Amino acid sequence: MTAIPTSSSPWRARWQSFSASALQAFHAYANWLVGISWRRFFVLSLLLIITVGILHDLPPFTWTITEHIEPAAPRVVRAPAAPMPAQPPASPAPPAAPGGPRSVEPAPGVRIDIPPGIRPGDGSGVDISIGKDGVRITAKPAADAASAAQAAASEAARAADAMASAASGLRLTFPPGVDSAEVRAAIEEAKRDMAEAVREARRDAEEAARDAQQARRDAEQALRDAEQSLQDMAEDAGRPRTVTRRVGIGDLMMNFTIVWVLASLILKITYKGRIVAEVKAAQATETAEAESLKRQVVEARMAAMQAQVEPHFLFNTLASIDHLIETDPARASQMQKNLIALLRASMPTMREANGQGAAGGTQGVRDLGRELAVIRPYLEILKVRMEERLTTQIDVPDGLLSAEFPPMMIQTLVENAIKHGLEPKAEGGSLRVAAEVMHGKLAVTVADTGLGFGRAATAGTGVGLANIRERLQLLFGARASLTVAENQPSGTRVTISVPYKPVEGMAS
């Protein structure tokens, strides 16, 4: 049976395509952000905000809607009437005393008390207001502030007039023996004071009357203003209204723009760090690959130089053995044994240098004892060839035989000392190989008493020493060094210093 494709497959393919496109666009935008300067970023952000601020109030981003609202019919709110209890007709109320409150009974069971000064029917005892909730009728206070003030002014004026009348008709009698002149003077003084007090009281009463009249005029003006406002409200309520509203996405655009700028700022900071880390990782990888390539080149040079030297040395040694077989078989046998030992010790080194070891790669370091295992038979063969012209000495403590040391470096120095220092010298000389630990470093020295560095006719080009320096730099960096100096009383002294470290598994 063939599988029926589901309907979700096209949508899944579209979603994957959209996701890939969105991710590609994201990385492109992030790379663009990282590529521009901070000054340009802030300038572009400011221009974007200003542009959106100008456009967000313009069509088609924002538009207006006008609505017409028809007036609603006014409503009159009436208080619910209380139920009238059934009761027998009440007898007529006695007439009220003059000046006291009056009562009006318009219907059985209902009694309306009217304060003094209020006449039924003039509307002075109620307030009628018209608002959005309809018409509302409420009770009004019995007297307002203006009426009270006017009444107080009238009473003050009447009191002042009474005091003046009393003062003008005042007569006093005194008992005999009282000085009438002094009493009269005191009375006149009292009359003048009383008259002054009456005048002041009259002035205060007139001032109070004027204030009362002004208060009444203000109240009448406020009443007219209220009636006009009520009339205007009624007219406005009867006319249709027009309401205009602004609708659009302008505010949303501004908010989105600010969020976009902030997100771009964060993306520029974080994505730049990621790119810098990736660049550093790529640079580190390239550096490691370059170092590995340089190491391989140096090892290849050392292997090529070893391949050039050893055949020449081997052919010369075999020729010497063939000559000694006829003249001195014992020395020929000893030389043959030394050659076998040399080949047995150097063949693993040659295979490792050519990348043919068991590990399948170049060995950067090995123990010092293996290096000396190659040097000893090599020097013995040279001593047979040079006879009394060459004396050798190897001064290396047994405790340093397990120390790490790069291969073929000592052999190169010994070959240079023999070839360019001791062989060209007629009387020959001595060669010494020594090792010691100084300040945490292993120092291996090859010293000869030959002609000296660069003084022989067979002086080399210095390629061997340059290769040794380059290998030391690749293996140990600044922690290793190669030093060439003059030996006393003659010859050359070459020292190689490397960090001291025993080979694992051989320290015991």
Foldseek 3Di string as FASTA:
>chain_A
DDDDDDPCVVVVVVVVVVVVVVVVVVVVLLVVLLPDDPVVLVVVLVVVLVVLVVPCCDPPQKDKDKDKFAFDDADADDDDDDDADDDDADDDDDADDPQAWDWDDPDGRDIDIQGPPDDPPPPPQWDWDQDRNGIDIGGDDNDDPLVVLQVVLVVLQVVLVVLVVCLVPDDDDDDPPDPPVVVVVVSVVVSVVSVVVSVVSNVVSVVSNVVSVVVVVVVVVVVVVSVVVRVVVVVVSNDMDMDMDMDGCSVVVSVVSVVVSVVSVVSNVVVSVVVVVVVVVVVVVVVVVVLVVLLLVLLVVLLVVCVVPVVVVVVVLVVVLVVCVVVPVVVSVVLVVLVVQLCVLCVQVSCLSVQNDPVSHHDFKFFQLSQVSNVVSVVVSVCSVVPPQEAEEEAEDPLRRQWIDGPPLVVLVVVCCVPFFFVQDPSGWYWYWYWDADPQKIKIKIWIQGAAQPPGPPHDPCPSVVSVQSSCCSPANPQKDWDWDADPPGTIMIMIIHGTDGDPPPND
